[in-house]
C-alpha cells in the first residue's frame, strides 16, 4: 500500500513540474511591460510631482493648524 501511495505522489510531482514549463509565459515581454510602466510612472511623476507636493504640504499644514490651534 505504501508503494502505491509513493508512486502516486511521484507521478503528481512529475506532472506538476511538466505543467510549469508550459505555463512559464513570455519573460522578455513581462520585462518590457515592467520597464514601460516604470517609465510612464517617472514621466507622470515629473509633470505632476510639484503639484502633488503642494497638495500634500497644504493638507499637512491644514491638519497641523487645526490640531495645534
Protein backbone atom coordinates (compact mmCIF):
# COMPACT_ATOMS: atom_id res chain seq x y z
CA UNK A 1 0.00 0.00 0.00
CA UNK A 2 2.80 2.47 0.82
CA UNK A 3 4.47 1.82 -2.57
CA UNK A 4 1.20 2.68 -4.30
CA UNK A 5 0.97 5.98 -2.37
CA UNK A 6 4.61 6.71 -3.08
CA UNK A 7 4.12 6.01 -6.78
CA UNK A 8 1.08 8.31 -6.93
CA UNK A 9 2.98 11.07 -5.13
CA UNK A 10 5.90 10.87 -7.57
CA UNK A 11 3.52 10.99 -10.54
CA UNK A 12 1.72 14.01 -9.12
CA UNK A 13 5.00 15.84 -8.53
CA UNK A 14 6.25 14.95 -12.02
CA UNK A 15 3.01 16.23 -13.57
CA UNK A 16 3.29 19.45 -11.61
CA UNK A 17 6.77 20.18 -12.93
CA UNK A 18 5.78 19.29 -16.51
CA UNK A 19 2.90 21.76 -16.36
CA UNK A 20 5.16 24.55 -15.05
CA UNK A 21 7.24 24.59 -18.22
CA UNK A 22 4.17 25.06 -20.39
CA UNK A 23 2.88 27.97 -18.25
CA UNK A 24 6.09 29.98 -17.92
CA UNK A 25 4.98 32.64 -20.35
CA UNK A 26 6.95 35.27 -22.17
CA UNK A 27 9.62 36.57 -19.79
CA UNK A 28 11.05 39.28 -22.11
CA UNK A 29 7.52 40.52 -22.70
CA UNK A 30 6.90 40.93 -18.97
CA UNK A 31 10.24 42.70 -18.57
CA UNK A 32 9.25 45.12 -21.33
CA UNK A 33 5.84 45.76 -19.73
CA UNK A 34 7.50 46.40 -16.36
CA UNK A 35 10.07 48.81 -17.82
CA UNK A 36 7.42 50.68 -19.80
CA UNK A 37 5.25 51.01 -16.70
CA UNK A 38 8.18 52.34 -14.70
CA UNK A 39 8.91 54.82 -17.49
CA UNK A 40 5.32 56.05 -17.52
CA UNK A 41 5.33 56.47 -13.76
CA UNK A 42 8.53 58.53 -13.92
CA UNK A 43 7.15 60.65 -16.76
CA UNK A 44 3.87 61.35 -14.95
CA UNK A 45 5.70 61.97 -11.67
CA UNK A 46 7.92 64.52 -13.42
CA UNK A 47 4.91 66.54 -14.54
CA UNK A 48 2.66 66.04 -11.51
CA UNK A 49 5.31 65.91 -8.76
CA UNK A 50 5.34 69.61 -7.87
CA UNK A 51 1.53 69.81 -7.84
CA UNK A 52 1.23 66.68 -5.70
CA UNK A 53 3.89 68.03 -3.34
CA UNK A 54 1.97 71.29 -2.97
CA UNK A 55 -1.30 69.47 -2.29
CA UNK A 56 0.37 67.26 0.31
CA UNK A 57 2.09 70.17 2.08
CA UNK A 58 -1.15 72.18 2.09
CA UNK A 59 -3.09 69.25 3.58
CA UNK A 60 -0.47 68.65 6.28
CA UNK A 61 -0.36 72.32 7.22
CA UNK A 62 -4.16 72.47 7.49
CA UNK A 63 -4.27 69.38 9.69
CA UNK A 64 -1.41 70.64 11.84
CA UNK A 65 -3.06 74.04 12.18
CA UNK A 66 -6.37 72.51 13.31
CA UNK A 67 -4.76 70.22 15.87
CA UNK A 68 -2.34 72.83 17.25
CA UNK A 69 -4.85 75.67 17.32
